[in-house]
């Protein structure tokens, strides 16, 4: 099956977007693992000579990586909001259809 030029461009664009989303989710998984490890490090950290340095390093890693993950997500999803107008319209339509289908026994 041969695709014309416009369909091929759309396919390649969609494939690239799926790849960016997949990379973002892998980044998010790695971030979650590191946050869990740093949290465990905070839990087991005892008072000592370098406690304040270790805490400062851990907090700076958390803050910077959180900023990077937010920027990465913004670039991948291009600032799309979670609840767009089309989503609201679909939900309203769904609830109206449910109300029409529901019958009460009297």
PDB file of N, CA and C in Angstrom:
ATOM      1  N   UNK A   1       0.853  -1.166   0.000  1.00  0.00           N
ATOM      2  CA  UNK A   1       0.000   0.000   0.000  1.00  0.00           C
ATOM      3  C   UNK A   1       0.900   1.232   0.000  1.00  0.00           C
ATOM      4  N   UNK A   2       0.730   2.060  -1.002  1.00  0.00           N
ATOM      5  CA  UNK A   2       1.547   3.252  -1.189  1.00  0.00           C
ATOM      6  C   UNK A   2       0.805   4.475  -0.678  1.00  0.00           C
ATOM      7  N   UNK A   3       1.484   5.268   0.123  1.00  0.00           N
ATOM      8  CA  UNK A   3       0.900   6.496   0.652  1.00  0.00           C
ATOM      9  C   UNK A   3       1.313   7.667  -0.226  1.00  0.00           C
ATOM     10  N   UNK A   4       0.392   8.612  -0.407  1.00  0.00           N
ATOM     11  CA  UNK A   4       0.786   9.787  -1.169  1.00  0.00           C
ATOM     12  C   UNK A   4       1.667  10.668  -0.276  1.00  0.00           C
ATOM     13  N   UNK A   5       2.199  11.737  -0.851  1.00  0.00           N
ATOM     14  CA  UNK A   5       3.198  12.550  -0.165  1.00  0.00           C
ATOM     15  C   UNK A   5       2.659  13.204   1.109  1.00  0.00           C
ATOM     16  N   UNK A   6       1.437  13.723   1.075  1.00  0.00           N
ATOM     17  CA  UNK A   6       0.858  14.371   2.249  1.00  0.00           C
ATOM     18  C   UNK A   6       0.607  13.371   3.375  1.00  0.00           C
ATOM     19  N   UNK A   7       0.079  12.210   3.020  1.00  0.00           N
ATOM     20  CA  UNK A   7      -0.166  11.183   4.034  1.00  0.00           C
ATOM     21  C   UNK A   7       1.144  10.690   4.638  1.00  0.00           C
ATOM     22  N   UNK A   8       2.177  10.603   3.819  1.00  0.00           N
ATOM     23  CA  UNK A   8       3.469  10.160   4.322  1.00  0.00           C
ATOM     24  C   UNK A   8       4.053  11.193   5.292  1.00  0.00           C
ATOM     25  N   UNK A   9       3.908  12.474   4.982  1.00  0.00           N
ATOM     26  CA  UNK A   9       4.381  13.522   5.891  1.00  0.00           C
ATOM     27  C   UNK A   9       3.616  13.489   7.201  1.00  0.00           C
ATOM     28  N   UNK A  10       2.298  13.298   7.126  1.00  0.00           N
ATOM     29  CA  UNK A  10       1.499  13.217   8.338  1.00  0.00           C
ATOM     30  C   UNK A  10       1.888  11.993   9.165  1.00  0.00           C
ATOM     31  N   UNK A  11       2.149  10.890   8.498  1.00  0.00           N
ATOM     32  CA  UNK A  11       2.553   9.671   9.195  1.00  0.00           C
ATOM     33  C   UNK A  11       3.887   9.875   9.911  1.00  0.00           C
ATOM     34  N   UNK A  12       4.852  10.464   9.226  1.00  0.00           N
ATOM     35  CA  UNK A  12       6.156  10.693   9.842  1.00  0.00           C
ATOM     36  C   UNK A  12       6.066  11.685  11.000  1.00  0.00           C
ATOM     37  N   UNK A  13       5.213  12.683  10.862  1.00  0.00           N
ATOM     38  CA  UNK A  13       5.025  13.653  11.945  1.00  0.00           C
ATOM     39  C   UNK A  13       4.391  12.972  13.160  1.00  0.00           C
ATOM     40  N   UNK A  14       3.385  12.142  12.929  1.00  0.00           N
ATOM     41  CA  UNK A  14       2.736  11.420  14.026  1.00  0.00           C
ATOM     42  C   UNK A  14       3.701  10.438  14.671  1.00  0.00           C
ATOM     43  N   UNK A  15       4.514   9.776  13.879  1.00  0.00           N
ATOM     44  CA  UNK A  15       5.492   8.835  14.412  1.00  0.00           C
ATOM     45  C   UNK A  15       6.523   9.552  15.282  1.00  0.00           C
ATOM     46  N   UNK A  16       6.957  10.723  14.861  1.00  0.00           N
ATOM     47  CA  UNK A  16       7.911  11.503  15.645  1.00  0.00           C
ATOM     48  C   UNK A  16       7.285  11.966  16.962  1.00  0.00           C
ATOM     49  N   UNK A  17       6.010  12.356  16.929  1.00  0.00           N
ATOM     50  CA  UNK A  17       5.321  12.783  18.153  1.00  0.00           C
ATOM     51  C   UNK A  17       5.190  11.621  19.130  1.00  0.00           C
ATOM     52  N   UNK A  18       4.873  10.441  18.642  1.00  0.00           N
ATOM     53  CA  UNK A  18       4.773   9.256  19.501  1.00  0.00           C
ATOM     54  C   UNK A  18       6.138   8.951  20.122  1.00  0.00           C
ATOM     55  N   UNK A  19       7.197   9.110  19.355  1.00  0.00           N
ATOM     56  CA  UNK A  19       8.546   8.880  19.872  1.00  0.00           C
ATOM     57  C   UNK A  19       8.880   9.885  20.982  1.00  0.00           C
ATOM     58  N   UNK A  20       8.527  11.163  20.786  1.00  0.00           N
ATOM     59  CA  UNK A  20       8.780  12.174  21.818  1.00  0.00           C
ATOM     60  C   UNK A  20       7.996  11.878  23.094  1.00  0.00           C
ATOM     61  N   UNK A  21       6.772  11.438  22.953  1.00  0.00           N
ATOM     62  CA  UNK A  21       5.956  11.103  24.121  1.00  0.00           C
ATOM     63  C   UNK A  21       6.551   9.898  24.852  1.00  0.00           C
ATOM     64  N   UNK A  22       7.013   8.903  24.101  1.00  0.00           N
ATOM     65  CA  UNK A  22       7.617   7.715  24.710  1.00  0.00           C
ATOM     66  C   UNK A  22       8.880   8.088  25.475  1.00  0.00           C
ATOM     67  N   UNK A  23       9.714   8.934  24.901  1.00  0.00           N
ATOM     68  CA  UNK A  23      10.934   9.377  25.575  1.00  0.00           C
ATOM     69  C   UNK A  23      10.582  10.156  26.840  1.00  0.00           C
ATOM     70  N   UNK A  24       9.530  10.990  26.782  1.00  0.00           N
ATOM     71  CA  UNK A  24       9.117  11.733  27.972  1.00  0.00           C
ATOM     72  C   UNK A  24       8.685  10.779  29.082  1.00  0.00           C
ATOM     73  N   UNK A  25       7.915   9.755  28.751  1.00  0.00           N
ATOM     74  CA  UNK A  25       7.467   8.808  29.778  1.00  0.00           C
ATOM     75  C   UNK A  25       8.648   8.033  30.376  1.00  0.00           C
ATOM     76  N   UNK A  26       9.636   7.685  29.557  1.00  0.00           N
ATOM     77  CA  UNK A  26      10.830   7.034  30.089  1.00  0.00           C
ATOM     78  C   UNK A  26      11.587   7.977  31.022  1.00  0.00           C
ATOM     79  N   UNK A  27      11.667   9.250  30.646  1.00  0.00           N
ATOM     80  CA  UNK A  27      12.289  10.270  31.480  1.00  0.00           C
ATOM     81  C   UNK A  27      11.539  10.391  32.804  1.00  0.00           C
ATOM     82  N   UNK A  28      10.220  10.352  32.748  1.00  0.00           N
ATOM     83  CA  UNK A  28       9.396  10.457  33.951  1.00  0.00           C
ATOM     84  C   UNK A  28       9.590   9.239  34.869  1.00  0.00           C
ATOM     85  N   UNK A  29       9.727   8.062  34.288  1.00  0.00           N
ATOM     86  CA  UNK A  29       9.966   6.849  35.079  1.00  0.00           C
ATOM     87  C   UNK A  29      11.327   6.928  35.767  1.00  0.00           C
ATOM     88  N   UNK A  30      12.348   7.345  35.040  1.00  0.00           N
ATOM     89  CA  UNK A  30      13.671   7.494  35.626  1.00  0.00           C
ATOM     90  C   UNK A  30      13.666   8.541  36.735  1.00  0.00           C
ATOM     91  N   UNK A  31      12.959   9.631  36.515  1.00  0.00           N
ATOM     92  CA  UNK A  31      12.824  10.682  37.521  1.00  0.00           C
ATOM     93  C   UNK A  31      12.159  10.125  38.787  1.00  0.00           C
ATOM     94  N   UNK A  32      11.120   9.337  38.619  1.00  0.00           N
ATOM     95  CA  UNK A  32      10.429   8.748  39.771  1.00  0.00           C
ATOM     96  C   UNK A  32      11.341   7.821  40.561  1.00  0.00           C
ATOM     97  N   UNK A  33      12.159   7.045  39.866  1.00  0.00           N
ATOM     98  CA  UNK A  33      13.091   6.149  40.541  1.00  0.00           C
ATOM     99  C   UNK A  33      14.121   6.949  41.337  1.00  0.00           C
ATOM    100  N   UNK A  34      14.656   8.004  40.730  1.00  0.00           N
ATOM    101  CA  UNK A  34      15.661   8.815  41.421  1.00  0.00           C
ATOM    102  C   UNK A  34      15.042   9.531  42.619  1.00  0.00           C
ATOM    103  N   UNK A  35      13.816  10.023  42.482  1.00  0.00           N
ATOM    104  CA  UNK A  35      13.149  10.674  43.611  1.00  0.00           C
ATOM    105  C   UNK A  35      12.953   9.681  44.760  1.00  0.00           C
ATOM    106  N   UNK A  36      12.601   8.456  44.441  1.00  0.00           N
ATOM    107  CA  UNK A  36      12.441   7.441  45.481  1.00  0.00           C
ATOM    108  C   UNK A  36      13.772   7.155  46.168  1.00  0.00           C
ATOM    109  N   UNK A  37      14.837   7.061  45.403  1.00  0.00           N
ATOM    110  CA  UNK A  37      16.152   6.808  45.992  1.00  0.00           C
ATOM    111  C   UNK A  37      16.624   7.981  46.856  1.00  0.00           C
ATOM    112  N   UNK A  38      16.396   9.198  46.401  1.00  0.00           N
ATOM    113  CA  UNK A  38      16.785  10.370  47.194  1.00  0.00           C
ATOM    114  C   UNK A  38      15.939  10.462  48.453  1.00  0.00           C
ATOM    115  N   UNK A  39      14.664  10.130  48.342  1.00  0.00           N
ATOM    116  CA  UNK A  39      13.818  10.121  49.537  1.00  0.00           C
ATOM    117  C   UNK A  39      14.317   9.098  50.547  1.00  0.00           C
ATOM    118  N   UNK A  40      14.722   7.932  50.064  1.00  0.00           N
ATOM    119  CA  UNK A  40      15.284   6.920  50.953  1.00  0.00           C
ATOM    120  C   UNK A  40      16.585   7.422  51.577  1.00  0.00           C
ATOM    121  N   UNK A  41      17.375   8.135  50.790  1.00  0.00           N
ATOM    122  CA  UNK A  41      18.617   8.707  51.304  1.00  0.00           C
ATOM    123  C   UNK A  41      18.325   9.707  52.428  1.00  0.00           C
ATOM    124  N   UNK A  42      17.293  10.522  52.274  1.00  0.00           N
ATOM    125  CA  UNK A  42      16.906  11.433  53.348  1.00  0.00           C
ATOM    126  C   UNK A  42      16.496  10.654  54.598  1.00  0.00           C
ATOM    127  N   UNK A  43      15.846   9.532  54.399  1.00  0.00           N
ATOM    128  CA  UNK A  43      15.370   8.726  55.521  1.00  0.00           C
ATOM    129  C   UNK A  43      16.526   8.117  56.317  1.00  0.00           C
ATOM    130  N   UNK A  44      17.548   7.633  55.612  1.00  0.00           N
ATOM    131  CA  UNK A  44      18.639   6.948  56.303  1.00  0.00           C
ATOM    132  C   UNK A  44      19.783   7.874  56.692  1.00  0.00           C
ATOM    133  N   UNK A  45      19.738   9.113  56.250  1.00  0.00           N
ATOM    134  CA  UNK A  45      20.827  10.048  56.520  1.00  0.00           C
ATOM    135  C   UNK A  45      20.916  10.357  58.009  1.00  0.00           C
ATOM    136  N   UNK A  46      22.103  10.212  58.540  1.00  0.00           N
ATOM    137  CA  UNK A  46      22.331  10.492  59.952  1.00  0.00           C
ATOM    138  C   UNK A  46      23.198  11.731  60.091  1.00  0.00           C
ATOM    139  N   UNK A  47      23.140  12.326  61.256  1.00  0.00           N
ATOM    140  CA  UNK A  47      23.953  13.507  61.514  1.00  0.00           C
ATOM    141  C   UNK A  47      25.430  13.142  61.406  1.00  0.00           C
ATOM    142  N   UNK A  48      26.157  13.990  60.723  1.00  0.00           N
ATOM    143  CA  UNK A  48      27.583  13.745  60.573  1.00  0.00           C
ATOM    144  C   UNK A  48      28.262  14.970  60.012  1.00  0.00           C
ATOM    145  N   UNK A  49      29.476  14.774  59.591  1.00  0.00           N
ATOM    146  CA  UNK A  49      30.302  15.869  59.120  1.00  0.00           C
ATOM    147  C   UNK A  49      29.769  16.488  57.823  1.00  0.00           C
ATOM    148  N   UNK A  50      29.294  15.667  56.912  1.00  0.00           N
ATOM    149  CA  UNK A  50      28.872  16.156  55.599  1.00  0.00           C
ATOM    150  C   UNK A  50      27.363  16.096  55.390  1.00  0.00           C
ATOM    151  N   UNK A  51      26.603  16.028  56.427  1.00  0.00           N
ATOM    152  CA  UNK A  51      25.144  15.920  56.323  1.00  0.00           C
ATOM    153  C   UNK A  51      24.542  17.096  55.582  1.00  0.00           C
ATOM    154  N   UNK A  52      24.959  18.310  55.894  1.00  0.00           N
ATOM    155  CA  UNK A  52      24.383  19.481  55.235  1.00  0.00           C
ATOM    156  C   UNK A  52      24.753  19.524  53.754  1.00  0.00           C
ATOM    157  N   UNK A  53      25.971  19.076  53.406  1.00  0.00           N
ATOM    158  CA  UNK A  53      26.373  19.046  51.993  1.00  0.00           C
ATOM    159  C   UNK A  53      25.566  18.014  51.202  1.00  0.00           C
ATOM    160  N   UNK A  54      25.369  16.855  51.797  1.00  0.00           N
ATOM    161  CA  UNK A  54      24.594  15.803  51.127  1.00  0.00           C
ATOM    162  C   UNK A  54      23.144  16.249  50.955  1.00  0.00           C
ATOM    163  N   UNK A  55      22.586  16.868  51.970  1.00  0.00           N
ATOM    164  CA  UNK A  55      21.208  17.356  51.893  1.00  0.00           C
ATOM    165  C   UNK A  55      21.081  18.435  50.827  1.00  0.00           C
ATOM    166  N   UNK A  56      22.034  19.353  50.777  1.00  0.00           N
ATOM    167  CA  UNK A  56      22.000  20.420  49.768  1.00  0.00           C
ATOM    168  C   UNK A  56      22.109  19.851  48.360  1.00  0.00           C
ATOM    169  N   UNK A  57      22.980  18.864  48.178  1.00  0.00           N
ATOM    170  CA  UNK A  57      23.126  18.231  46.873  1.00  0.00           C
ATOM    171  C   UNK A  57      21.836  17.518  46.457  1.00  0.00           C
ATOM    172  N   UNK A  58      21.235  16.780  47.376  1.00  0.00           N
ATOM    173  CA  UNK A  58      19.998  16.068  47.071  1.00  0.00           C
ATOM    174  C   UNK A  58      18.859  17.020  46.734  1.00  0.00           C
ATOM    175  N   UNK A  59      18.733  18.089  47.508  1.00  0.00           N
ATOM    176  CA  UNK A  59      17.661  19.050  47.251  1.00  0.00           C
ATOM    177  C   UNK A  59      17.886  19.763  45.916  1.00  0.00           C
ATOM    178  N   UNK A  60      19.128  20.109  45.611  1.00  0.00           N
ATOM    179  CA  UNK A  60      19.389  20.783  44.335  1.00  0.00           C
ATOM    180  C   UNK A  60      19.103  19.863  43.150  1.00  0.00           C
ATOM    181  N   UNK A  61      19.436  18.578  43.286  1.00  0.00           N
ATOM    182  CA  UNK A  61      19.121  17.619  42.218  1.00  0.00           C
ATOM    183  C   UNK A  61      17.614  17.521  42.030  1.00  0.00           C
ATOM    184  N   UNK A  62      16.871  17.440  43.119  1.00  0.00           N
ATOM    185  CA  UNK A  62      15.409  17.356  43.028  1.00  0.00           C
ATOM    186  C   UNK A  62      14.814  18.595  42.373  1.00  0.00           C
ATOM    187  N   UNK A  63      15.268  19.769  42.786  1.00  0.00           N
ATOM    188  CA  UNK A  63      14.713  21.015  42.246  1.00  0.00           C
ATOM    189  C   UNK A  63      15.044  21.162  40.762  1.00  0.00           C
ATOM    190  N   UNK A  64      16.300  20.957  40.402  1.00  0.00           N
ATOM    191  CA  UNK A  64      16.691  21.116  38.995  1.00  0.00           C
ATOM    192  C   UNK A  64      16.038  20.072  38.099  1.00  0.00           C
ATOM    193  N   UNK A  65      16.012  18.818  38.525  1.00  0.00           N
ATOM    194  CA  UNK A  65      15.424  17.780  37.695  1.00  0.00           C
ATOM    195  C   UNK A  65      13.916  17.977  37.567  1.00  0.00           C
ATOM    196  N   UNK A  66      13.280  18.467  38.609  1.00  0.00           N
ATOM    197  CA  UNK A  66      11.851  18.769  38.524  1.00  0.00           C
ATOM    198  C   UNK A  66      11.604  19.866  37.498  1.00  0.00           C
ATOM    199  N   UNK A  67      12.447  20.883  37.503  1.00  0.00           N
ATOM    200  CA  UNK A  67      12.306  21.951  36.508  1.00  0.00           C
ATOM    201  C   UNK A  67      12.508  21.407  35.091  1.00  0.00           C
ATOM    202  N   UNK A  68      13.509  20.541  34.918  1.00  0.00           N
ATOM    203  CA  UNK A  68      13.759  19.963  33.600  1.00  0.00           C
ATOM    204  C   UNK A  68      12.608  19.077  33.137  1.00  0.00           C
ATOM    205  N   UNK A  69      12.032  18.319  34.042  1.00  0.00           N
ATOM    206  CA  UNK A  69      10.931  17.428  33.653  1.00  0.00           C
ATOM    207  C   UNK A  69       9.696  18.241  33.276  1.00  0.00           C
ATOM    208  N   UNK A  70       9.468  19.348  33.960  1.00  0.00           N
ATOM    209  CA  UNK A  70       8.337  20.220  33.615  1.00  0.00           C
ATOM    210  C   UNK A  70       8.558  20.849  32.240  1.00  0.00           C
ATOM    211  N   UNK A  71       9.764  21.319  31.977  1.00  0.00           N
ATOM    212  CA  UNK A  71      10.075  21.899  30.666  1.00  0.00           C
ATOM    213  C   UNK A  71       9.952  20.849  29.574  1.00  0.00           C
ATOM    214  N   UNK A  72      10.446  19.653  29.827  1.00  0.00           N
ATOM    215  CA  UNK A  72      10.350  18.570  28.846  1.00  0.00           C
ATOM    216  C   UNK A  72       8.887  18.231  28.544  1.00  0.00           C
ATOM    217  N   UNK A  73       8.089  18.130  29.593  1.00  0.00           N
ATOM    218  CA  UNK A  73       6.662  17.850  29.396  1.00  0.00           C
ATOM    219  C   UNK A  73       5.966  18.958  28.633  1.00  0.00           C
ATOM    220  N   UNK A  74       6.326  20.200  28.920  1.00  0.00           N
ATOM    221  CA  UNK A  74       5.728  21.338  28.215  1.00  0.00           C
ATOM    222  C   UNK A  74       6.080  21.287  26.737  1.00  0.00           C
ATOM    223  N   UNK A  75       7.336  20.944  26.415  1.00  0.00           N
ATOM    224  CA  UNK A  75       7.740  20.873  25.016  1.00  0.00           C
ATOM    225  C   UNK A  75       7.055  19.725  24.289  1.00  0.00           C
ATOM    226  N   UNK A  76       6.915  18.594  24.962  1.00  0.00           N
ATOM    227  CA  UNK A  76       6.316  17.418  24.317  1.00  0.00           C
ATOM    228  C   UNK A  76       4.825  17.639  24.067  1.00  0.00           C
ATOM    229  N   UNK A  77       4.116  18.146  25.071  1.00  0.00           N
ATOM    230  CA  UNK A  77       2.680  18.304  24.949  1.00  0.00           C
ATOM    231  C   UNK A  77       2.282  19.701  24.502  1.00  0.00           C
ATOM    232  N   UNK A  78       3.249  20.581  24.276  1.00  0.00           N
ATOM    233  CA  UNK A  78       3.051  21.926  23.739  1.00  0.00           C
ATOM    234  C   UNK A  78       1.995  22.721  24.495  1.00  0.00           C
ATOM    235  N   UNK A  79       2.006  22.609  25.797  1.00  0.00           N
ATOM    236  CA  UNK A  79       1.131  23.425  26.631  1.00  0.00           C
ATOM    237  C   UNK A  79      -0.339  23.061  26.570  1.00  0.00           C
ATOM    238  N   UNK A  80      -0.641  21.887  26.061  1.00  0.00           N
ATOM    239  CA  UNK A  80      -2.046  21.477  26.030  1.00  0.00           C
ATOM    240  C   UNK A  80      -2.589  21.352  27.441  1.00  0.00           C
ATOM    241  N   UNK A  81      -3.762  21.868  27.629  1.00  0.00           N
ATOM    242  CA  UNK A  81      -4.383  21.783  28.937  1.00  0.00           C
ATOM    243  C   UNK A  81      -5.031  20.419  29.113  1.00  0.00           C
ATOM    244  N   UNK A  82      -5.181  20.036  30.336  1.00  0.00           N
ATOM    245  CA  UNK A  82      -5.775  18.731  30.628  1.00  0.00           C
ATOM    246  C   UNK A  82      -7.253  18.699  30.258  1.00  0.00           C
ATOM    247  N   UNK A  83      -7.971  19.773  30.599  1.00  0.00           N
ATOM    248  CA  UNK A  83      -9.403  19.819  30.335  1.00  0.00           C
ATOM    249  C   UNK A  83      -9.683  20.898  29.294  1.00  0.00           C
ATOM    250  N   UNK A  84      -9.707  20.513  28.034  1.00  0.00           N
ATOM    251  CA  UNK A  84      -9.995  21.445  26.964  1.00  0.00           C
ATOM    252  C   UNK A  84     -11.502  21.565  26.778  1.00  0.00           C
ATOM    253  N   UNK A  85     -11.897  22.513  25.979  1.00  0.00           N
ATOM    254  CA  UNK A  85     -13.311  22.754  25.696  1.00  0.00           C
ATOM    255  C   UNK A  85     -13.936  21.519  25.036  1.00  0.00           C
ATOM    256  N   UNK A  86     -13.215  20.871  24.150  1.00  0.00           N
ATOM    257  CA  UNK A  86     -13.760  19.683  23.486  1.00  0.00           C
ATOM    258  C   UNK A  86     -14.016  18.561  24.500  1.00  0.00           C
ATOM    259  N   UNK A  87     -13.154  18.443  25.515  1.00  0.00           N
ATOM    260  CA  UNK A  87     -13.357  17.439  26.549  1.00  0.00           C
ATOM    261  C   UNK A  87     -14.631  17.735  27.324  1.00  0.00           C
ATOM    262  N   UNK A  88     -14.845  19.023  27.665  1.00  0.00           N
ATOM    263  CA  UNK A  88     -16.055  19.403  28.386  1.00  0.00           C
ATOM    264  C   UNK A  88     -17.300  19.085  27.564  1.00  0.00           C
ATOM    265  N   UNK A  89     -17.242  19.399  26.271  1.00  0.00           N
ATOM    266  CA  UNK A  89     -18.391  19.116  25.404  1.00  0.00           C
ATOM    267  C   UNK A  89     -18.690  17.620  25.327  1.00  0.00           C
ATOM    268  N   UNK A  90     -17.650  16.794  25.240  1.00  0.00           N
ATOM    269  CA  UNK A  90     -17.848  15.343  25.187  1.00  0.00           C
ATOM    270  C   UNK A  90     -18.470  14.821  26.481  1.00  0.00           C
ATOM    271  N   UNK A  91     -18.008  15.335  27.619  1.00  0.00           N
ATOM    272  CA  UNK A  91     -18.551  14.896  28.900  1.00  0.00           C
ATOM    273  C   UNK A  91     -20.016  15.314  29.056  1.00  0.00           C
ATOM    274  N   UNK A  92     -20.334  16.529  28.661  1.00  0.00           N
ATOM    275  CA  UNK A  92     -21.721  16.995  28.731  1.00  0.00           C
ATOM    276  C   UNK A  92     -22.612  16.109  27.878  1.00  0.00           C
ATOM    277  N   UNK A  93     -22.137  15.795  26.680  1.00  0.00           N
ATOM    278  CA  UNK A  93     -22.907  14.937  25.779  1.00  0.00           C
ATOM    279  C   UNK A  93     -23.090  13.545  26.387  1.00  0.00           C
ATOM    280  N   UNK A  94     -22.047  13.017  27.004  1.00  0.00           N
ATOM    281  CA  UNK A  94     -22.131  11.703  27.636  1.00  0.00           C
ATOM    282  C   UNK A  94     -23.152  11.687  28.766  1.00  0.00           C
ATOM    283  N   UNK A  95     -23.126  12.715  29.612  1.00  0.00           N
ATOM    284  CA  UNK A  95     -24.077  12.775  30.721  1.00  0.00           C
ATOM    285  C   UNK A  95     -25.506  12.947  30.232  1.00  0.00           C
ATOM    286  N   UNK A  96     -25.705  13.715  29.174  1.00  0.00           N
ATOM    287  CA  UNK A  96     -27.043  13.882  28.618  1.00  0.00           C
ATOM    288  C   UNK A  96     -27.564  12.572  28.055  1.00  0.00           C
ATOM    289  N   UNK A  97     -26.686  11.810  27.390  1.00  0.00           N
ATOM    290  CA  UNK A  97     -27.102  10.517  26.846  1.00  0.00           C
ATOM    291  C   UNK A  97     -27.430   9.531  27.963  1.00  0.00           C
ATOM    292  N   UNK A  98     -26.672   9.572  29.048  1.00  0.00           N
ATOM    293  CA  UNK A  98     -26.955   8.688  30.179  1.00  0.00           C
ATOM    294  C   UNK A  98     -28.294   9.027  30.817  1.00  0.00           C
ATOM    295  N   UNK A  99     -28.599  10.315  30.930  1.00  0.00           N
ATOM    296  CA  UNK A  99     -29.879  10.731  31.517  1.00  0.00           C
ATOM    297  C   UNK A  99     -31.047  10.288  30.659  1.00  0.00           C
ATOM    298  N   UNK A 100     -30.876  10.318  29.344  1.00  0.00           N
ATOM    299  CA  UNK A 100     -31.952   9.921  28.455  1.00  0.00           C
ATOM    300  C   UNK A 100     -32.177   8.414  28.495  1.00  0.00           C
ATOM    301  N   UNK A 101     -31.111   7.644  28.672  1.00  0.00           N
ATOM    302  CA  UNK A 101     -31.224   6.194  28.683  1.00  0.00           C
ATOM    303  C   UNK A 101     -31.730   5.651  30.019  1.00  0.00           C
ATOM    304  N   UNK A 102     -31.547   6.404  31.067  1.00  0.00           N
ATOM    305  CA  UNK A 102     -31.937   5.937  32.401  1.00  0.00           C
ATOM    306  C   UNK A 102     -33.438   6.058  32.591  1.00  0.00           C
ATOM    307  N   UNK A 103     -34.057   4.976  33.005  1.00  0.00           N
ATOM    308  CA  UNK A 103     -35.478   5.013  33.330  1.00  0.00           C
ATOM    309  C   UNK A 103     -35.633   4.584  34.774  1.00  0.00           C
ATOM    310  N   UNK A 104     -36.580   5.196  35.455  1.00  0.00           N
ATOM    311  CA  UNK A 104     -36.784   4.889  36.852  1.00  0.00           C
ATOM    312  C   UNK A 104     -38.067   4.092  36.993  1.00  0.00           C
ATOM    313  N   UNK A 105     -38.027   3.125  37.874  1.00  0.00           N
ATOM    314  CA  UNK A 105     -39.214   2.337  38.167  1.00  0.00           C
ATOM    315  C   UNK A 105     -40.050   3.081  39.204  1.00  0.00           C
ATOM    316  N   UNK A 106     -41.284   3.200  38.909  1.00  0.00           N
ATOM    317  CA  UNK A 106     -42.177   3.875  39.856  1.00  0.00           C
ATOM    318  C   UNK A 106     -43.281   2.971  40.289  1.00  0.00           C
TER     319      UNK A 106
END
